[in-house]
Amino acid sequence: MMIVKRIDVRPIQEFTPETGGTGKVSFITNSGDMIFGCQVKPGREAEKRNPLLDFVSEAMRQVHRMPEYRISKSYVKFAPGVLPEGYVT
């Protein structure tokens, strides 16, 4: 099991409601980092959304597709307070 101690989000293309955005999301653990290339889509509701939540949600979507996660749903856990406020699991 990997326990995520910190989440770093680094935009590559700045987020705008018209274009969306791209970036790298890193889940920092004691045993290494998991880095995901993420794209946040534009949309009518985009200006009301928090891009940080969208980037983390996209990274988690990718985690759920990993064979390691499918075998053991407890493959990735988050330390208390690591997930951004408003993130729904």
Protein backbone atom coordinates (compact mmCIF):
# COMPACT_ATOMS: atom_id res chain seq x y z
CA MET A 1 0.00 0.00 0.00
CA MET A 2 1.22 3.49 -0.83
CA ILE A 3 0.35 6.35 1.51
CA VAL A 4 0.36 9.71 -0.24
CA LYS A 5 1.94 12.34 2.02
CA ARG A 6 1.71 15.29 -0.38
CA ILE A 7 0.15 16.23 -3.72
CA ASP A 8 1.94 18.60 -6.11
CA VAL A 9 0.17 20.06 -9.15
CA ARG A 10 2.28 21.83 -11.75
CA PRO A 11 0.41 23.42 -14.62
CA ILE A 12 2.03 23.12 -18.04
CA GLN A 13 -0.69 25.10 -19.80
CA GLU A 14 -2.43 27.56 -17.50
CA PHE A 15 -6.09 26.75 -16.92
CA THR A 16 -8.71 28.96 -18.52
CA PRO A 17 -12.44 28.16 -18.78
CA GLU A 18 -12.21 28.45 -22.58
CA THR A 19 -9.22 26.15 -23.16
CA GLY A 20 -9.02 23.97 -20.04
CA GLY A 21 -5.47 23.20 -18.97
CA THR A 22 -2.76 20.57 -18.77
CA GLY A 23 -0.37 19.74 -15.99
CA LYS A 24 1.53 17.17 -13.99
CA VAL A 25 0.11 15.80 -10.75
CA SER A 26 2.56 14.12 -8.37
CA PHE A 27 1.47 11.92 -5.50
CA ILE A 28 4.47 12.00 -3.12
CA THR A 29 4.98 8.89 -0.97
CA ASN A 30 7.80 7.53 1.20
CA SER A 31 8.61 4.91 -1.42
CA GLY A 32 8.61 7.23 -4.45
CA ASP A 33 6.42 9.45 -6.54
CA MET A 34 3.53 8.66 -8.85
CA ILE A 35 3.40 11.28 -11.60
CA PHE A 36 0.44 11.70 -13.92
CA GLY A 37 0.02 13.85 -17.02
CA CYS A 38 -3.44 15.38 -16.68
CA GLN A 39 -5.74 17.44 -18.83
CA VAL A 40 -8.62 19.49 -17.47
CA LYS A 41 -11.35 20.03 -20.00
CA PRO A 42 -12.99 23.40 -20.67
CA GLY A 43 -16.69 23.90 -20.24
CA ARG A 44 -19.50 26.24 -19.30
CA GLU A 45 -19.14 25.43 -15.62
CA ALA A 46 -15.33 25.57 -15.73
CA GLU A 47 -15.03 29.06 -14.27
CA LYS A 48 -16.98 27.93 -11.20
CA ARG A 49 -14.81 24.82 -10.71
CA ASN A 50 -11.56 24.61 -8.82
CA PRO A 51 -8.88 23.48 -11.33
CA LEU A 52 -6.87 21.88 -8.50
CA LEU A 53 -9.79 19.53 -7.79
CA ASP A 54 -10.10 18.74 -11.49
CA PHE A 55 -6.39 17.88 -11.78
CA VAL A 56 -6.49 15.63 -8.69
CA SER A 57 -9.71 13.97 -9.93
CA GLU A 58 -8.08 13.23 -13.29
CA ALA A 59 -5.02 11.74 -11.55
CA MET A 60 -7.30 9.55 -9.42
CA ARG A 61 -9.16 8.42 -12.54
CA GLN A 62 -5.81 7.22 -13.86
CA VAL A 63 -4.99 5.50 -10.55
CA HIS A 64 -8.25 3.56 -10.75
CA ARG A 65 -7.18 2.18 -14.12
CA MET A 66 -3.86 0.84 -12.78
CA PRO A 67 -3.71 -2.97 -12.47
CA GLU A 68 -2.22 -2.62 -8.98
CA TYR A 69 -5.26 -0.67 -7.86
CA ARG A 70 -7.72 -3.05 -9.49
CA ILE A 71 -6.14 -5.99 -7.68
CA SER A 72 -6.12 -4.24 -4.29
CA LYS A 73 -8.44 -1.27 -3.80
CA SER A 74 -6.27 -0.26 -0.82
CA TYR A 75 -3.22 0.25 -3.09
CA VAL A 76 -3.32 4.05 -2.65
CA LYS A 77 -4.34 5.80 0.57
CA PHE A 78 -4.02 9.46 1.50
CA ALA A 79 -2.67 10.82 4.76
CA PRO A 80 -5.15 13.01 6.65
CA GLY A 81 -5.43 16.51 5.21
CA VAL A 82 -3.64 15.70 1.93
CA LEU A 83 -6.64 15.77 -0.40
CA PRO A 84 -7.75 19.29 -1.36
CA GLU A 85 -10.78 20.74 0.39
CA GLY A 86 -13.90 19.89 -1.54
CA TYR A 87 -12.55 16.67 -3.06
CA VAL A 88 -15.19 13.95 -3.00
CA THR A 89 -13.92 10.38 -2.86
